Amino acid sequence: MKLSHLNARSLQPKLCEFRDIVHNSQYDIVGVTETWFVDGMGSDDVSVQGFRLYRSDRLGRGGGVCVYVREYLRCELVDLEVETESPVEYLWLKVHLSGYTIIVGFLYRPPDKKKRPSKLSPFIDDMNKMLSLVSPMGSYLFCLGDVNVDLLTGRGPVVDCFFSFGLDQIISEPTRITSRGGSLVDPIFVSCPSTMIKSSGVVNVDHISDHSLTFVEVKLLREKKVSRLIKYRDFSNFDNDVFLEDLQNKRWIEFLYESNIDNKVEIFNSFLLSVFNKHAPVVTRRVSRPKAPWITDFIRHLMGERDRALNRFKNFRSDDMWKEYKNLRNKVLFEIHLGRAYLENYLTQK
């Protein structure tokens, strides 16, 4: 799967050149920011053969985001119910391919001409909200766009925000060059392992835009599902009070008057197991989804706490609840990264 993004600064006048680039480079999904589409401009007027078009036009001059997706890809638009605090424009898609569900997002953050740090904070808050919603939706997450923040310096609020959700920024060279120098304002954030990235980089398209086109090609190998049978006790209908009552009704007089210790153990186990088998029977299930070995019981507990905190925030929309959720989310991600790194290091040394 090959993804790309371009800030076009008005796409329609450059449509012929854009179509040539898309077809010659064999991109599967192409996002465009600053489309500058206007009222009355139909999708047929800006179509690309063999691609479906999703668009989010700005009401007024400039801006706008659109995405071209190859027709053979099974894809749907993700409708996020997010009240944004910044003027960020976006489109999120859910793509089903090779047994995976892939979330792909394209963003455009309009520039703050005075470069005030305070203006970046609402954008970071908006991205936290969006990423908290889309991250659980798929196997992998990719986000491309123009954030109008120079990321050549490395870490910063934008990179840290995405990193807290397990996404790395993979573009390492300027994507816009002016007389004053180069800047990396068109990042690509990915959640997949580096071993899945076949290639990535920037392409000079100065006949279309003063921004370079960015791209990433990902190898999505179909997961081989190996099923196995597992046995476990089903506690879904377990009632603690009824369980204790049935256990109490056993003929414990036999246990008390039995003098042989081996027989005592056998009677005790028999009573206990018979009640357990009634209230929490052993069931056999076939499972095919491989378990992530680094997900420990402690991490599963943290995930439960995180999900409950998110539900509380969705119900009451409290700032304190949002902070609680973010702290738990970051803790879960830290533990997952730590567990994966430990396992990879252990396997490398074997």
Protein backbone atom coordinates (compact mmCIF):
# COMPACT_ATOMS: atom_id res chain seq x y z
CA MET A 1 0.00 0.00 0.00
CA LYS A 2 1.42 3.33 -1.07
CA LEU A 3 0.25 6.54 0.63
CA SER A 4 1.12 10.10 -0.32
CA HIS A 5 0.28 13.70 0.52
CA LEU A 6 0.64 17.02 -1.26
CA ASN A 7 -0.18 20.58 -0.30
CA ALA A 8 -1.38 21.75 -3.70
CA ARG A 9 -2.31 25.39 -3.00
CA SER A 10 -5.22 25.17 -5.46
CA LEU A 11 -5.53 21.79 -7.15
CA GLN A 12 -7.91 22.33 -10.08
CA PRO A 13 -5.57 24.45 -12.28
CA LYS A 14 -2.87 21.78 -11.86
CA LEU A 15 -5.12 18.76 -12.24
CA CYS A 16 -3.51 17.35 -15.42
CA GLU A 17 -0.03 17.37 -13.88
CA PHE A 18 -1.42 15.95 -10.63
CA ARG A 19 -3.13 13.06 -12.46
CA ASP A 20 0.13 12.19 -14.20
CA ILE A 21 2.00 12.06 -10.90
CA VAL A 22 -0.65 9.86 -9.25
CA HIS A 23 -0.76 7.33 -12.09
CA ASN A 24 2.98 7.24 -12.83
CA SER A 25 3.92 6.74 -9.18
CA GLN A 26 1.19 4.12 -8.62
CA TYR A 27 -0.08 5.60 -5.37
CA ASP A 28 -3.03 3.86 -3.73
CA ILE A 29 -4.19 6.71 -1.49
CA VAL A 30 -3.36 10.36 -2.14
CA GLY A 31 -4.34 13.15 0.22
CA VAL A 32 -4.33 16.79 -0.87
CA THR A 33 -4.42 19.78 1.45
CA GLU A 34 -5.17 23.38 0.48
CA THR A 35 -7.38 22.14 -2.35
CA TRP A 36 -9.09 25.55 -2.62
CA PHE A 37 -12.24 23.90 -4.01
CA VAL A 38 -15.11 26.37 -4.23
CA ASP A 39 -18.90 26.17 -4.15
CA GLY A 40 -20.33 24.72 -7.34
CA MET A 41 -17.21 22.70 -8.16
CA GLY A 42 -18.44 19.13 -8.61
CA SER A 43 -16.37 16.06 -7.80
CA ASP A 44 -16.44 15.09 -11.49
CA ASP A 45 -14.56 18.31 -12.25
CA VAL A 46 -11.62 17.21 -10.11
CA SER A 47 -11.77 13.42 -10.53
CA VAL A 48 -8.88 11.05 -11.17
CA GLN A 49 -9.63 7.94 -13.22
CA GLY A 50 -9.63 4.76 -11.15
CA PHE A 51 -9.98 6.63 -7.84
CA ARG A 52 -12.83 7.51 -5.50
CA LEU A 53 -12.83 11.04 -4.13
CA TYR A 54 -13.54 12.11 -0.56
CA ARG A 55 -13.51 15.82 0.13
CA SER A 56 -13.94 18.33 2.93
CA ASP A 57 -14.09 21.83 1.49
CA ARG A 58 -13.57 24.97 3.50
CA LEU A 59 -16.47 27.40 3.65
CA GLY A 60 -14.78 30.43 2.18
CA ARG A 61 -11.47 31.05 0.46
CA GLY A 62 -8.55 28.62 0.53
CA GLY A 63 -7.99 25.55 2.68
CA GLY A 64 -9.78 22.27 2.16
CA VAL A 65 -8.75 18.61 2.28
CA CYS A 66 -9.51 15.82 -0.17
CA VAL A 67 -8.41 12.19 -0.54
CA TYR A 68 -8.21 10.03 -3.67
CA VAL A 69 -8.52 6.28 -3.00
CA ARG A 70 -8.12 3.54 -5.59
CA GLU A 71 -11.48 2.02 -6.45
CA TYR A 72 -10.42 -1.54 -5.64
CA LEU A 73 -9.72 -0.66 -2.00
CA ARG A 74 -12.52 -1.30 0.49
CA CYS A 75 -12.72 1.99 2.28
CA GLU A 76 -15.10 4.09 4.38
CA LEU A 77 -15.09 7.59 5.80
CA VAL A 78 -14.65 7.88 9.57
CA ASP A 79 -17.09 10.40 11.00
CA LEU A 80 -15.49 11.86 14.10
CA GLU A 81 -17.72 13.72 16.52
CA VAL A 82 -15.05 16.14 17.68
CA GLU A 83 -15.56 19.76 18.69
CA THR A 84 -12.30 21.33 17.52
CA GLU A 85 -10.74 24.28 19.27
CA SER A 86 -8.35 25.09 16.41
CA PRO A 87 -9.04 25.69 12.69
CA VAL A 88 -7.59 22.27 11.77
CA GLU A 89 -9.12 20.61 8.70
CA TYR A 90 -9.06 16.84 8.33
CA LEU A 91 -10.35 13.62 6.77
CA TRP A 92 -10.03 10.18 8.37
CA LEU A 93 -10.54 6.93 6.46
CA LYS A 94 -10.83 3.28 7.45
CA VAL A 95 -9.26 0.95 4.86
CA HIS A 96 -9.65 -2.85 4.86
CA LEU A 97 -6.73 -4.60 3.18
CA SER A 98 -4.94 -7.97 3.51
CA GLY A 99 -6.80 -8.86 6.67
CA TYR A 100 -5.92 -5.55 8.34
CA THR A 101 -8.00 -2.51 9.21
CA ILE A 102 -5.89 0.56 8.46
CA ILE A 103 -6.75 4.05 9.69
CA VAL A 104 -5.45 6.83 7.43
CA GLY A 105 -5.78 10.51 8.26
CA PHE A 106 -4.95 13.70 6.38
CA LEU A 107 -4.62 17.02 8.21
CA TYR A 108 -4.20 20.67 7.40
CA ARG A 109 -3.38 23.16 10.13
CA PRO A 110 -3.56 26.73 8.78
CA PRO A 111 -0.49 28.80 9.67
CA ASP A 112 -0.32 31.30 12.49
CA LYS A 113 1.53 34.16 10.82
CA LYS A 114 2.74 35.54 14.16
CA LYS A 115 4.05 32.07 15.15
CA ARG A 116 2.57 32.34 18.64
CA PRO A 117 3.18 29.19 20.75
CA SER A 118 -0.21 29.67 22.41
CA LYS A 119 -1.89 29.05 19.05
CA LEU A 120 -0.37 25.56 18.86
CA SER A 121 -1.95 24.36 22.10
CA PRO A 122 -5.55 24.12 20.74
CA PHE A 123 -4.26 22.06 17.80
CA ILE A 124 -2.48 19.67 20.17
CA ASP A 125 -5.68 19.32 22.20
CA ASP A 126 -7.66 18.59 19.02
CA MET A 127 -5.15 15.94 17.93
CA ASN A 128 -5.33 14.31 21.36
CA LYS A 129 -9.10 14.04 20.99
CA MET A 130 -8.94 12.68 17.43
CA LEU A 131 -6.15 10.19 18.08
CA SER A 132 -7.85 8.87 21.20
CA LEU A 133 -10.87 8.05 19.02
CA VAL A 134 -9.18 6.64 15.90
CA SER A 135 -6.28 4.74 17.53
CA PRO A 136 -8.43 1.81 18.74
CA MET A 137 -10.22 1.49 15.39
CA GLY A 138 -7.55 -0.31 13.38
CA SER A 139 -4.46 -2.49 13.31
CA TYR A 140 -2.25 0.39 12.18
CA LEU A 141 -2.57 4.15 11.95
CA PHE A 142 -1.07 6.55 9.39
CA CYS A 143 -1.39 10.31 9.46
CA LEU A 144 -0.12 12.67 6.76
CA GLY A 145 -0.58 16.37 6.11
CA ASP A 146 0.66 19.89 6.55
CA VAL A 147 0.92 21.03 10.19
CA ASN A 148 2.72 24.34 9.50
CA VAL A 149 5.25 23.60 12.23
CA ASP A 150 8.88 22.97 11.32
CA LEU A 151 9.72 19.46 12.58
CA LEU A 152 13.31 19.38 11.31
CA THR A 153 14.48 20.13 14.84
CA GLY A 154 13.18 16.74 15.97
CA ARG A 155 11.05 16.53 19.09
CA GLY A 156 8.44 19.10 20.00
CA PRO A 157 4.78 19.35 21.06
CA VAL A 158 3.44 17.96 17.75
CA VAL A 159 5.83 15.00 17.59
CA ASP A 160 5.35 14.29 21.30
CA CYS A 161 1.57 14.30 20.89
CA PHE A 162 1.66 11.64 18.17
CA PHE A 163 4.39 9.68 19.95
CA SER A 164 2.19 9.39 23.02
CA PHE A 165 -0.21 7.37 20.83
CA GLY A 166 2.57 5.15 19.49
CA LEU A 167 3.19 6.99 16.20
CA ASP A 168 6.66 7.89 14.86
CA GLN A 169 7.47 10.68 12.39
CA ILE A 170 9.44 9.18 9.47
CA ILE A 171 10.19 12.12 7.14
CA SER A 172 13.68 13.50 7.78
CA GLU A 173 14.26 16.14 5.09
CA PRO A 174 12.68 19.51 4.23
CA THR A 175 9.32 19.40 2.51
CA ARG A 176 9.17 23.12 1.69
CA ILE A 177 12.11 25.22 0.54
CA THR A 178 12.05 29.01 0.28
CA SER A 179 14.71 31.71 -0.07
CA ARG A 180 15.02 31.66 3.73
CA GLY A 181 15.80 27.94 3.87
CA GLY A 182 14.02 24.61 4.21
CA SER A 183 11.43 23.37 6.69
CA LEU A 184 9.70 20.07 7.40
CA VAL A 185 6.04 20.99 7.65
CA ASP A 186 4.56 17.94 5.88
CA PRO A 187 5.18 14.99 8.21
CA ILE A 188 4.12 11.36 8.01
CA PHE A 189 3.27 9.66 11.30
CA VAL A 190 3.06 5.86 11.38
CA SER A 191 2.25 3.30 14.07
CA CYS A 192 3.57 0.25 12.19
CA PRO A 193 7.00 -1.31 12.86
CA SER A 194 9.88 -0.01 10.74
CA THR A 195 10.22 -3.48 9.19
CA MET A 196 6.89 -2.94 7.43
CA ILE A 197 8.02 0.28 5.71
CA LYS A 198 9.34 -0.52 2.25
CA SER A 199 10.20 3.08 1.35
CA SER A 200 9.39 6.67 2.28
CA GLY A 201 10.56 10.15 1.42
CA VAL A 202 9.82 13.35 -0.49
CA VAL A 203 9.39 14.06 -4.20
CA ASN A 204 10.07 17.44 -5.78
CA VAL A 205 6.94 18.64 -7.59
CA ASP A 206 7.81 22.35 -7.91
CA HIS A 207 5.86 22.55 -11.17
CA ILE A 208 2.74 22.08 -9.04
CA SER A 209 3.50 23.38 -5.56
CA ASP A 210 6.19 24.92 -3.36
CA HIS A 211 5.66 21.90 -1.08
CA SER A 212 7.25 18.55 -1.88
CA LEU A 213 5.05 15.48 -2.13
CA THR A 214 5.60 13.03 0.75
CA PHE A 215 5.01 9.29 0.51
CA VAL A 216 5.32 6.03 2.38
CA GLU A 217 5.04 2.50 0.99
CA VAL A 218 4.06 -0.22 3.44
CA LYS A 219 4.29 -4.00 3.14
CA LEU A 220 1.08 -5.51 4.45
CA LEU A 221 1.55 -9.27 4.56
CA ARG A 222 -1.60 -11.25 5.06
CA GLU A 223 -1.62 -12.63 8.56
CA LYS A 224 -1.63 -16.42 8.69
CA LYS A 225 -4.27 -17.33 11.24
CA VAL A 226 -3.45 -20.49 13.13
CA SER A 227 -6.36 -21.66 15.22
CA ARG A 228 -6.03 -23.54 18.47
CA LEU A 229 -8.34 -24.85 21.15
CA ILE A 230 -8.25 -23.38 24.62
CA LYS A 231 -10.09 -24.38 27.79
CA TYR A 232 -11.16 -21.98 30.51
CA ARG A 233 -13.82 -21.49 33.16
CA ASP A 234 -16.73 -19.33 32.06
CA PHE A 235 -17.58 -16.87 34.86
CA SER A 236 -20.01 -14.84 32.73
CA ASN A 237 -23.05 -16.04 34.75
CA PHE A 238 -21.28 -16.46 38.07
CA ASP A 239 -23.28 -15.39 41.14
CA ASN A 240 -21.09 -15.26 44.23
CA ASP A 241 -23.96 -15.51 46.75
CA VAL A 242 -25.56 -18.53 45.07
CA PHE A 243 -22.14 -20.16 44.73
CA LEU A 244 -21.45 -19.82 48.46
CA GLU A 245 -24.93 -21.10 49.31
CA ASP A 246 -24.48 -24.25 47.19
CA LEU A 247 -21.03 -24.76 48.68
CA GLN A 248 -22.43 -24.46 52.19
CA ASN A 249 -25.15 -27.03 51.44
CA LYS A 250 -22.60 -29.77 50.71
CA ARG A 251 -22.38 -32.62 53.25
CA TRP A 252 -19.36 -31.22 55.09
CA ILE A 253 -20.07 -33.62 57.96
CA GLU A 254 -18.40 -36.30 55.84
CA PHE A 255 -15.30 -34.12 55.59
CA LEU A 256 -15.21 -33.45 59.34
CA TYR A 257 -15.51 -37.10 60.43
CA GLU A 258 -13.13 -38.52 57.85
CA SER A 259 -9.91 -39.52 59.64
CA ASN A 260 -7.72 -40.30 56.62
CA ILE A 261 -5.99 -37.16 55.33
CA ASP A 262 -5.92 -38.33 51.70
CA ASN A 263 -9.66 -38.98 51.79
CA LYS A 264 -10.22 -35.56 53.37
CA VAL A 265 -8.40 -33.86 50.47
CA GLU A 266 -10.38 -35.91 47.94
CA ILE A 267 -13.72 -35.00 49.58
CA PHE A 268 -12.80 -31.31 49.78
CA ASN A 269 -11.70 -31.17 46.13
CA SER A 270 -14.78 -33.08 45.02
CA PHE A 271 -17.16 -30.69 46.80
CA LEU A 272 -15.39 -27.59 45.58
CA LEU A 273 -15.02 -28.71 41.96
CA SER A 274 -18.62 -29.88 41.68
CA VAL A 275 -19.89 -26.45 42.74
CA PHE A 276 -17.41 -24.67 40.46
CA ASN A 277 -18.44 -26.87 37.52
CA LYS A 278 -22.05 -25.86 38.13
CA HIS A 279 -21.50 -22.10 38.40
CA ALA A 280 -18.39 -21.64 36.23
CA PRO A 281 -18.26 -24.57 33.81
CA VAL A 282 -15.16 -25.40 31.81
CA VAL A 283 -15.70 -24.49 28.15
CA THR A 284 -13.61 -25.09 25.03
CA ARG A 285 -13.18 -22.41 22.39
CA ARG A 286 -11.29 -22.20 19.11
CA VAL A 287 -9.17 -19.01 18.84
CA SER A 288 -7.27 -17.79 15.81
CA ARG A 289 -6.11 -14.31 16.82
CA PRO A 290 -2.50 -14.41 18.07
CA LYS A 291 -1.91 -12.86 21.46
CA ALA A 292 0.67 -10.11 21.78
CA PRO A 293 3.17 -11.69 24.20
CA TRP A 294 4.17 -8.32 25.65
CA ILE A 295 0.60 -7.59 26.83
CA THR A 296 0.80 -8.64 30.47
CA ASP A 297 -2.01 -8.91 33.00
CA PHE A 298 -0.81 -5.61 34.46
CA ILE A 299 -1.11 -3.91 31.04
CA ARG A 300 -4.58 -5.41 30.54
CA HIS A 301 -5.58 -3.98 33.92
CA LEU A 302 -4.25 -0.55 32.88
CA MET A 303 -6.13 -0.80 29.58
CA GLY A 304 -9.35 -1.42 31.48
CA GLU A 305 -8.70 1.59 33.70
CA ARG A 306 -7.92 3.68 30.60
CA ASP A 307 -11.12 2.64 28.80
CA ARG A 308 -13.24 3.35 31.86
CA ALA A 309 -11.64 6.78 32.20
CA LEU A 310 -12.41 7.52 28.53
CA ASN A 311 -16.06 6.49 29.01
CA ARG A 312 -16.32 8.77 32.04
CA PHE A 313 -14.95 11.65 29.98
CA LYS A 314 -17.38 10.97 27.11
CA ASN A 315 -20.30 11.03 29.56
CA PHE A 316 -19.38 14.10 31.61
CA ARG A 317 -16.82 16.04 29.49
CA SER A 318 -14.79 17.12 32.52
CA ASP A 319 -11.27 18.58 32.11
CA ASP A 320 -10.07 16.58 35.11
CA MET A 321 -11.48 13.38 33.57
CA TRP A 322 -9.69 14.16 30.29
CA LYS A 323 -6.39 14.59 32.18
CA GLU A 324 -7.00 11.31 34.01
CA TYR A 325 -7.62 9.53 30.70
CA LYS A 326 -4.50 11.02 29.10
CA ASN A 327 -2.31 9.99 32.04
CA LEU A 328 -3.63 6.40 31.89
CA ARG A 329 -3.33 6.30 28.10
CA ASN A 330 0.29 7.46 28.24
CA LYS A 331 1.04 4.93 30.98
CA VAL A 332 -0.41 2.10 28.86
CA LEU A 333 1.65 3.16 25.84
CA PHE A 334 4.81 3.43 27.93
CA GLU A 335 4.31 -0.08 29.35
CA ILE A 336 3.60 -1.51 25.87
CA HIS A 337 6.71 0.12 24.38
CA LEU A 338 8.77 -1.12 27.32
CA GLY A 339 7.41 -4.67 26.98
CA ARG A 340 7.96 -4.83 23.22
CA ALA A 341 11.49 -3.45 23.52
CA TYR A 342 12.35 -5.99 26.22
CA LEU A 343 10.95 -8.88 24.16
CA GLU A 344 12.71 -7.78 20.94
CA ASN A 345 15.99 -7.40 22.83
CA TYR A 346 15.53 -10.84 24.43
CA LEU A 347 14.81 -12.52 21.07
CA THR A 348 17.77 -10.77 19.42
CA GLN A 349 20.13 -12.17 22.03
CA LYS A 350 18.77 -15.72 21.74
